[in-house]
Amino acid sequence: MSTEKFAYGERKAEEVLDKALAWLKDQKSPWFLWMHFYDPHDPYEPPEPFKTQYSQNLYNGEVAYVDLVMGRLVSYLKEMDLFGRTLVILTADHGESLGQHGEETHGYFAYNVAIWVPLIISFPGLKHEIVRQQVSHIDIFPTVCDFLNVEKPSFLEGYSLLQALKGKKLPKRALYFESLYPFYSRGWAPIIGYIFEKDKFIDSPIPELYDIEVDFNEARNIAPKKKLARYKQQLSEILKD
């Protein structure tokens, strides 16, 4: 499948960081800083030496470059005695398909390669733990509130991840996802679905169902062998909520 490539202007990660640090140096009171490093997007054009080192995988080269730049941020926070009293959250808005499922980049489908993203939380006194529970970006806001002891707005739908980071189980819930860019830009069918424990259901003209515990790369659609009424009903209830 051939898809049209996205084309955006972007600043290099170093320029983004320079501007962020220039702003940060002027802060005299508690602050919130959000940085978006855009480099790992098509076209993949990492600077040297990453362009040469990763000549066979330029996407990985851009990721390595951003990793280096983020190291500068951490070093600065430590040098200014800020790291030990700062909540740091690293995540991504999406992954990159890189050819899986016939998609070169992202934005058309909703397979795990695109929607399963990093989430790293660093906070003073927090022990190193790997949490294998399924979480969502909607959990970040309440997590920040919990860490900073700020009252959470009543409209938030996510859960604070502080308890999960302490080894406790989060309530069971379905995680909703959608991919609507093709619908709005090309008139294609909308793609919506949810993940609940090991089941991942994608509703479209050709429904898809995967057991992501044994088929995380979604190579075998088991929907044709299943009765889908309960999955469609659960998705309908999620949308109503």
Protein backbone atom coordinates (compact mmCIF):
# COMPACT_ATOMS: atom_id res chain seq x y z
CA MET A 1 0.00 0.00 0.00
CA SER A 2 1.38 3.41 -0.91
CA THR A 3 0.34 6.39 1.20
CA GLU A 4 1.01 10.06 0.74
CA LYS A 5 3.85 11.28 2.92
CA PHE A 6 3.38 14.06 5.44
CA ALA A 7 5.38 17.23 4.97
CA TYR A 8 5.98 19.62 7.85
CA GLY A 9 8.49 22.26 8.78
CA GLU A 10 10.42 21.37 11.88
CA ARG A 11 13.09 22.72 14.20
CA LYS A 12 16.00 20.50 15.11
CA ALA A 13 15.94 19.17 18.65
CA GLU A 14 18.98 21.25 19.63
CA GLU A 15 17.20 24.48 18.67
CA VAL A 16 14.09 23.45 20.60
CA LEU A 17 16.21 22.69 23.67
CA ASP A 18 18.18 25.93 23.40
CA LYS A 19 14.99 27.97 23.36
CA ALA A 20 13.54 25.96 26.26
CA LEU A 21 16.65 26.39 28.42
CA ALA A 22 16.77 30.12 27.65
CA TRP A 23 13.20 30.37 28.95
CA LEU A 24 13.90 28.15 31.95
CA LYS A 25 16.85 30.26 33.10
CA ASP A 26 14.49 33.22 33.60
CA GLN A 27 12.01 31.39 35.82
CA LYS A 28 11.89 32.56 39.44
CA SER A 29 8.85 30.58 40.61
CA PRO A 30 7.50 27.01 40.16
CA TRP A 31 7.29 26.30 36.43
CA PHE A 32 5.83 23.94 33.85
CA LEU A 33 7.87 23.27 30.71
CA TRP A 34 6.64 21.23 27.73
CA MET A 35 9.00 20.38 24.88
CA HIS A 36 8.12 18.62 21.65
CA PHE A 37 11.05 17.08 19.81
CA TYR A 38 9.77 16.51 16.30
CA ASP A 39 12.83 14.98 14.65
CA PRO A 40 11.74 11.31 14.42
CA HIS A 41 9.33 12.11 11.59
CA ASP A 42 9.56 11.47 7.88
CA PRO A 43 11.76 12.54 6.13
CA TYR A 44 14.39 10.99 8.38
CA GLU A 45 17.38 13.33 8.26
CA PRO A 46 19.53 13.00 11.40
CA PRO A 47 22.60 15.24 11.65
CA GLU A 48 26.09 13.81 11.72
CA PRO A 49 27.49 11.64 13.18
CA PHE A 50 24.12 9.90 13.41
CA LYS A 51 23.50 10.09 9.66
CA THR A 52 26.60 7.98 9.06
CA GLN A 53 26.29 5.73 12.11
CA TYR A 54 22.68 4.89 11.28
CA SER A 55 22.89 5.02 7.49
CA GLN A 56 20.89 1.78 7.25
CA ASN A 57 18.15 3.03 9.59
CA LEU A 58 17.83 6.81 9.56
CA TYR A 59 14.75 6.73 11.75
CA ASN A 60 16.80 5.16 14.54
CA GLY A 61 19.41 7.81 13.84
CA GLU A 62 16.91 10.56 14.55
CA VAL A 63 15.81 8.82 17.75
CA ALA A 64 19.45 8.54 18.88
CA TYR A 65 20.02 12.21 18.11
CA VAL A 66 17.00 13.27 20.18
CA ASP A 67 18.19 10.99 22.99
CA LEU A 68 21.53 12.85 23.03
CA VAL A 69 19.79 16.23 23.14
CA MET A 70 17.54 15.11 25.98
CA GLY A 71 20.66 14.10 27.86
CA ARG A 72 21.67 17.75 27.74
CA LEU A 73 18.37 18.67 29.38
CA VAL A 74 18.90 16.19 32.22
CA SER A 75 22.49 17.39 32.67
CA TYR A 76 21.31 20.99 32.92
CA LEU A 77 18.67 20.12 35.53
CA LYS A 78 21.30 18.32 37.59
CA GLU A 79 23.85 21.13 37.26
CA MET A 80 21.28 23.68 38.45
CA ASP A 81 20.19 21.42 41.32
CA LEU A 82 16.72 21.10 39.80
CA PHE A 83 16.57 17.41 38.88
CA GLY A 84 16.12 16.30 42.48
CA ARG A 85 12.96 18.39 42.84
CA THR A 86 11.40 18.18 39.39
CA LEU A 87 8.75 15.83 37.98
CA VAL A 88 9.89 14.71 34.53
CA ILE A 89 7.62 12.81 32.13
CA LEU A 90 8.76 11.45 28.78
CA THR A 91 6.23 10.15 26.28
CA ALA A 92 5.37 10.25 22.58
CA ASP A 93 2.22 11.12 20.67
CA HIS A 94 2.61 8.14 18.34
CA GLY A 95 5.00 5.58 16.96
CA GLU A 96 6.05 5.00 13.36
CA SER A 97 4.88 2.03 11.31
CA LEU A 98 8.00 1.78 9.12
CA GLY A 99 6.28 -0.54 6.67
CA GLN A 100 4.26 -2.70 9.06
CA HIS A 101 0.74 -3.34 7.78
CA GLY A 102 1.67 -1.52 4.57
CA GLU A 103 1.94 1.85 6.31
CA GLU A 104 5.18 3.78 5.86
CA THR A 105 4.73 6.40 8.57
CA HIS A 106 1.65 6.93 10.78
CA GLY A 107 -1.81 8.47 10.87
CA TYR A 108 -3.81 6.05 8.75
CA PHE A 109 -4.22 2.98 10.93
CA ALA A 110 -4.29 2.25 14.66
CA TYR A 111 -2.02 -0.75 15.04
CA ASN A 112 0.21 -1.17 18.08
CA VAL A 113 3.30 -0.09 16.20
CA ALA A 114 1.77 3.41 16.06
CA ILE A 115 -0.26 3.70 19.28
CA TRP A 116 1.96 1.85 21.78
CA VAL A 117 4.38 4.55 22.98
CA PRO A 118 6.99 5.15 25.70
CA LEU A 119 6.01 6.55 29.08
CA ILE A 120 8.79 7.28 31.57
CA ILE A 121 8.14 9.10 34.85
CA SER A 122 10.95 10.43 37.04
CA PHE A 123 10.31 12.00 40.43
CA PRO A 124 12.48 12.58 43.50
CA GLY A 125 12.42 9.53 45.75
CA LEU A 126 10.67 7.32 43.18
CA LYS A 127 12.24 3.87 42.94
CA HIS A 128 13.01 2.36 39.55
CA GLU A 129 10.10 0.15 38.54
CA ILE A 130 8.78 -1.27 35.28
CA VAL A 131 4.99 -1.13 35.26
CA ARG A 132 3.41 -3.57 32.84
CA GLN A 133 -0.18 -2.44 33.32
CA GLN A 134 -1.96 -0.86 30.36
CA VAL A 135 -2.21 2.90 30.73
CA SER A 136 -3.15 5.85 28.55
CA HIS A 137 -2.22 9.46 27.93
CA ILE A 138 -5.42 10.46 29.74
CA ASP A 139 -3.67 9.25 32.90
CA ILE A 140 -0.88 11.83 32.71
CA PHE A 141 -2.88 14.85 33.92
CA PRO A 142 -4.23 13.14 37.08
CA THR A 143 -0.78 11.65 37.71
CA VAL A 144 0.81 15.12 37.68
CA CYS A 145 -1.87 16.38 40.09
CA ASP A 146 -1.25 13.45 42.43
CA PHE A 147 2.53 13.87 42.47
CA LEU A 148 2.28 17.62 43.12
CA ASN A 149 -0.57 17.28 45.62
CA VAL A 150 -2.87 19.45 43.50
CA GLU A 151 -6.63 18.88 43.46
CA LYS A 152 -7.67 17.03 40.31
CA PRO A 153 -10.36 18.66 38.14
CA SER A 154 -13.59 16.66 38.31
CA PHE A 155 -13.81 16.20 34.54
CA LEU A 156 -10.64 14.08 34.27
CA GLU A 157 -11.29 10.52 33.05
CA GLY A 158 -7.87 9.00 33.62
CA TYR A 159 -6.31 7.46 36.72
CA SER A 160 -3.29 8.66 38.63
CA LEU A 161 -0.41 6.27 37.97
CA LEU A 162 1.23 6.97 41.32
CA GLN A 163 -0.34 3.86 42.85
CA ALA A 164 0.72 1.74 39.88
CA LEU A 165 4.28 3.00 40.34
CA LYS A 166 4.05 1.72 43.91
CA GLY A 167 3.06 -1.75 42.73
CA LYS A 168 -0.71 -1.50 43.10
CA LYS A 169 -3.22 -2.53 40.45
CA LEU A 170 -5.23 0.05 38.54
CA PRO A 171 -8.97 -0.57 38.05
CA LYS A 172 -9.79 -2.64 34.97
CA ARG A 173 -10.97 -0.52 32.07
CA ALA A 174 -11.11 -0.39 28.31
CA LEU A 175 -8.70 2.00 26.57
CA TYR A 176 -10.29 3.76 23.60
CA PHE A 177 -8.37 4.72 20.45
CA GLU A 178 -9.22 6.16 17.06
CA SER A 179 -7.64 7.12 13.75
CA LEU A 180 -9.76 9.73 12.00
CA TYR A 181 -7.23 11.48 9.76
CA PRO A 182 -8.16 9.31 6.73
CA PHE A 183 -11.87 9.90 7.42
CA TYR A 184 -11.60 13.70 7.47
CA SER A 185 -8.95 14.06 4.76
CA ARG A 186 -9.95 11.34 2.30
CA GLY A 187 -13.47 10.25 3.09
CA TRP A 188 -12.30 6.79 4.15
CA ALA A 189 -14.11 4.84 6.84
CA PRO A 190 -13.30 5.96 10.40
CA ILE A 191 -11.21 3.59 12.51
CA ILE A 192 -12.17 3.30 16.18
CA GLY A 193 -11.63 0.64 18.77
CA TYR A 194 -10.49 -0.29 22.24
CA ILE A 195 -8.07 -2.46 24.18
CA PHE A 196 -9.33 -4.42 27.17
CA GLU A 197 -6.81 -6.71 28.83
CA LYS A 198 -5.57 -8.99 26.04
CA ASP A 199 -8.30 -8.16 23.50
CA LYS A 200 -7.89 -5.42 20.93
CA PHE A 201 -10.95 -4.69 18.81
CA ILE A 202 -10.83 -2.44 15.74
CA ASP A 203 -14.18 -1.48 14.25
CA SER A 204 -14.19 -0.63 10.55
CA PRO A 205 -15.82 -2.06 7.40
CA ILE A 206 -13.49 -5.04 7.95
CA PRO A 207 -13.55 -5.62 11.74
CA GLU A 208 -10.34 -6.78 13.38
CA LEU A 209 -9.76 -8.58 16.67
CA TYR A 210 -6.39 -9.51 18.10
CA ASP A 211 -5.09 -11.30 21.17
CA ILE A 212 -2.19 -8.94 21.84
CA GLU A 213 -0.68 -11.19 24.50
CA VAL A 214 0.31 -13.71 21.85
CA ASP A 215 0.05 -11.53 18.72
CA PHE A 216 1.29 -8.08 19.67
CA ASN A 217 2.23 -7.26 16.06
CA GLU A 218 -1.34 -8.01 14.97
CA ALA A 219 -0.44 -10.50 12.27
CA ARG A 220 -3.54 -12.72 12.65
CA ASN A 221 -7.02 -11.21 12.65
CA ILE A 222 -9.24 -13.58 14.64
CA ALA A 223 -12.43 -11.56 14.12
CA PRO A 224 -13.82 -13.88 11.40
CA LYS A 225 -13.83 -16.73 13.95
CA LYS A 226 -15.54 -14.77 16.72
CA LYS A 227 -19.02 -13.45 17.41
CA LEU A 228 -18.43 -9.71 17.50
CA ALA A 229 -21.70 -8.49 19.00
CA ARG A 230 -20.28 -8.11 22.52
CA TYR A 231 -17.22 -6.25 21.26
CA LYS A 232 -19.38 -3.86 19.26
CA GLN A 233 -21.65 -3.38 22.27
CA GLN A 234 -18.72 -2.58 24.55
CA LEU A 235 -17.38 -0.07 22.02
CA SER A 236 -20.81 1.55 21.82
CA GLU A 237 -20.88 1.90 25.62
CA ILE A 238 -17.41 3.44 25.60
CA LEU A 239 -18.51 6.02 23.05
CA LYS A 240 -21.63 6.88 25.08
CA ASP A 241 -19.47 7.43 28.16
